Amino acid sequence: MTKQQKKQYQPTEALRQVLNILNQQKFVLDCGHHITFNQVLGNDITIRNGKELQITCSECGY
């Protein structure tokens, strides 16, 4: 990867800030399970990157 290509990537903290917008919001995932973001007992999620994002709980993502 060239230096120019590396400059295109943001640090993980930038992604955390984007995801923090979802704080305490509730969603039904593609697998049918539910998630509430930033809740202690919430499900972990798996995001499959591709032409369309596939978002499942970590239990169904493996």
N, C-alpha and C. Protein backbone atom coordinates (compact mmCIF):
# COMPACT_ATOMS: atom_id res chain seq x y z
N MET A 1 0.85 -1.17 0.00
CA MET A 1 0.00 0.00 0.00
C MET A 1 0.90 1.24 0.00
N THR A 2 0.57 2.18 -0.85
CA THR A 2 1.38 3.39 -0.95
C THR A 2 1.01 4.37 0.16
N LYS A 3 1.86 5.37 0.36
CA LYS A 3 1.58 6.40 1.37
C LYS A 3 0.29 7.13 1.05
N GLN A 4 0.06 7.38 -0.24
CA GLN A 4 -1.16 8.07 -0.67
C GLN A 4 -2.40 7.25 -0.32
N GLN A 5 -2.34 5.94 -0.52
CA GLN A 5 -3.45 5.06 -0.19
C GLN A 5 -3.69 5.02 1.32
N LYS A 6 -2.61 4.99 2.10
CA LYS A 6 -2.73 4.95 3.56
C LYS A 6 -3.41 6.21 4.09
N LYS A 7 -3.19 7.34 3.45
CA LYS A 7 -3.78 8.60 3.90
C LYS A 7 -5.30 8.62 3.74
N GLN A 8 -5.84 7.75 2.90
CA GLN A 8 -7.28 7.71 2.67
C GLN A 8 -8.04 7.07 3.84
N TYR A 9 -7.35 6.36 4.70
CA TYR A 9 -7.99 5.64 5.80
C TYR A 9 -8.02 6.47 7.07
N GLN A 10 -9.17 6.45 7.75
CA GLN A 10 -9.33 7.15 9.01
C GLN A 10 -9.04 6.20 10.16
N PRO A 11 -8.71 6.71 11.34
CA PRO A 11 -8.45 5.84 12.49
C PRO A 11 -9.75 5.25 13.05
N THR A 12 -9.61 4.23 13.86
CA THR A 12 -10.75 3.54 14.46
C THR A 12 -11.63 4.49 15.26
N GLU A 13 -11.04 5.50 15.87
CA GLU A 13 -11.82 6.45 16.69
C GLU A 13 -12.88 7.16 15.84
N ALA A 14 -12.61 7.42 14.59
CA ALA A 14 -13.59 8.06 13.71
C ALA A 14 -14.80 7.14 13.51
N LEU A 15 -14.56 5.84 13.38
CA LEU A 15 -15.65 4.88 13.24
C LEU A 15 -16.45 4.80 14.54
N ARG A 16 -15.77 4.83 15.68
CA ARG A 16 -16.45 4.83 16.98
C ARG A 16 -17.41 6.01 17.11
N GLN A 17 -16.98 7.17 16.64
CA GLN A 17 -17.82 8.37 16.70
C GLN A 17 -19.06 8.23 15.82
N VAL A 18 -18.90 7.63 14.66
CA VAL A 18 -20.04 7.38 13.78
C VAL A 18 -21.02 6.42 14.45
N LEU A 19 -20.51 5.34 15.02
CA LEU A 19 -21.37 4.34 15.65
C LEU A 19 -22.01 4.86 16.94
N ASN A 20 -21.39 5.83 17.59
CA ASN A 20 -21.94 6.39 18.82
C ASN A 20 -23.28 7.08 18.56
N ILE A 21 -23.53 7.49 17.33
CA ILE A 21 -24.82 8.08 16.96
C ILE A 21 -25.95 7.08 17.21
N LEU A 22 -25.64 5.79 17.17
CA LEU A 22 -26.64 4.73 17.35
C LEU A 22 -26.91 4.42 18.82
N ASN A 23 -26.31 5.16 19.74
CA ASN A 23 -26.44 4.92 21.17
C ASN A 23 -27.89 4.72 21.59
N GLN A 24 -28.17 3.57 22.22
CA GLN A 24 -29.47 3.18 22.77
C GLN A 24 -30.57 2.99 21.72
N GLN A 25 -30.23 2.98 20.44
CA GLN A 25 -31.24 2.71 19.42
C GLN A 25 -31.38 1.20 19.24
N LYS A 26 -32.58 0.76 18.90
CA LYS A 26 -32.90 -0.66 18.80
C LYS A 26 -33.13 -1.03 17.34
N PHE A 27 -32.59 -2.19 16.92
CA PHE A 27 -32.70 -2.64 15.54
C PHE A 27 -32.98 -4.14 15.48
N VAL A 28 -33.66 -4.56 14.42
CA VAL A 28 -33.79 -5.98 14.08
C VAL A 28 -32.73 -6.23 13.02
N LEU A 29 -31.89 -7.23 13.23
CA LEU A 29 -30.80 -7.55 12.31
C LEU A 29 -31.29 -8.43 11.16
N ASP A 30 -30.47 -8.60 10.14
CA ASP A 30 -30.81 -9.43 8.99
C ASP A 30 -31.10 -10.88 9.40
N CYS A 31 -30.51 -11.33 10.48
CA CYS A 31 -30.72 -12.70 10.95
C CYS A 31 -32.01 -12.84 11.76
N GLY A 32 -32.67 -11.72 12.08
CA GLY A 32 -33.91 -11.76 12.84
C GLY A 32 -33.73 -11.48 14.32
N HIS A 33 -32.48 -11.49 14.80
CA HIS A 33 -32.23 -11.17 16.20
C HIS A 33 -32.25 -9.66 16.39
N HIS A 34 -32.24 -9.22 17.65
CA HIS A 34 -32.35 -7.80 17.98
C HIS A 34 -31.08 -7.28 18.63
N ILE A 35 -30.86 -5.98 18.50
CA ILE A 35 -29.71 -5.34 19.14
C ILE A 35 -30.12 -3.96 19.64
N THR A 36 -29.61 -3.61 20.82
CA THR A 36 -29.69 -2.24 21.32
C THR A 36 -28.26 -1.79 21.51
N PHE A 37 -27.85 -0.76 20.77
CA PHE A 37 -26.46 -0.32 20.81
C PHE A 37 -26.10 0.30 22.15
N ASN A 38 -24.89 0.01 22.61
CA ASN A 38 -24.30 0.49 23.86
C ASN A 38 -25.08 0.04 25.08
N GLN A 39 -25.75 -1.10 25.00
CA GLN A 39 -26.42 -1.68 26.16
C GLN A 39 -25.55 -2.82 26.66
N VAL A 40 -25.39 -2.92 27.95
CA VAL A 40 -24.47 -3.89 28.54
C VAL A 40 -24.78 -5.31 28.09
N LEU A 41 -26.03 -5.69 28.05
CA LEU A 41 -26.39 -7.06 27.68
C LEU A 41 -26.79 -7.18 26.20
N GLY A 42 -26.39 -6.23 25.37
CA GLY A 42 -26.73 -6.26 23.95
C GLY A 42 -25.94 -7.30 23.19
N ASN A 43 -26.47 -7.72 22.06
CA ASN A 43 -25.77 -8.66 21.18
C ASN A 43 -24.60 -7.98 20.49
N ASP A 44 -23.57 -8.74 20.19
CA ASP A 44 -22.49 -8.28 19.32
C ASP A 44 -22.97 -8.50 17.89
N ILE A 45 -22.43 -7.72 16.96
CA ILE A 45 -22.85 -7.87 15.57
C ILE A 45 -21.67 -8.19 14.67
N THR A 46 -21.99 -8.80 13.54
CA THR A 46 -21.03 -9.08 12.48
C THR A 46 -21.52 -8.34 11.24
N ILE A 47 -20.64 -7.56 10.62
CA ILE A 47 -20.99 -6.84 9.40
C ILE A 47 -20.17 -7.42 8.27
N ARG A 48 -20.86 -8.00 7.30
CA ARG A 48 -20.17 -8.55 6.12
C ARG A 48 -20.17 -7.48 5.04
N ASN A 49 -18.98 -7.07 4.67
CA ASN A 49 -18.79 -6.01 3.71
C ASN A 49 -18.85 -6.60 2.30
N GLY A 50 -19.56 -5.95 1.41
CA GLY A 50 -19.65 -6.40 0.02
C GLY A 50 -20.53 -5.44 -0.75
N LYS A 51 -21.14 -5.94 -1.82
CA LYS A 51 -22.01 -5.10 -2.63
C LYS A 51 -23.13 -4.51 -1.77
N GLU A 52 -23.71 -5.34 -0.90
CA GLU A 52 -24.67 -4.90 0.11
C GLU A 52 -24.18 -5.38 1.46
N LEU A 53 -24.31 -4.54 2.49
CA LEU A 53 -23.89 -4.95 3.82
C LEU A 53 -24.86 -5.98 4.38
N GLN A 54 -24.33 -7.02 4.99
CA GLN A 54 -25.12 -8.05 5.67
C GLN A 54 -24.81 -7.90 7.15
N ILE A 55 -25.81 -7.59 7.96
CA ILE A 55 -25.60 -7.33 9.39
C ILE A 55 -26.34 -8.39 10.19
N THR A 56 -25.57 -9.23 10.90
CA THR A 56 -26.15 -10.30 11.71
C THR A 56 -25.54 -10.24 13.10
N CYS A 57 -26.14 -11.00 14.03
CA CYS A 57 -25.53 -11.10 15.36
C CYS A 57 -24.30 -11.99 15.24
N SER A 58 -23.41 -11.89 16.18
CA SER A 58 -22.17 -12.68 16.09
C SER A 58 -22.45 -14.17 16.18
N GLU A 59 -23.54 -14.54 16.84
CA GLU A 59 -23.90 -15.96 16.95
C GLU A 59 -24.25 -16.54 15.58
N CYS A 60 -24.96 -15.78 14.77
CA CYS A 60 -25.36 -16.24 13.43
C CYS A 60 -24.31 -15.93 12.37
N GLY A 61 -23.35 -15.06 12.70
CA GLY A 61 -22.36 -14.62 11.72
C GLY A 61 -21.25 -15.61 11.47
N TYR A 62 -21.18 -16.68 12.26
CA TYR A 62 -20.08 -17.64 12.08
C TYR A 62 -20.52 -18.90 11.41
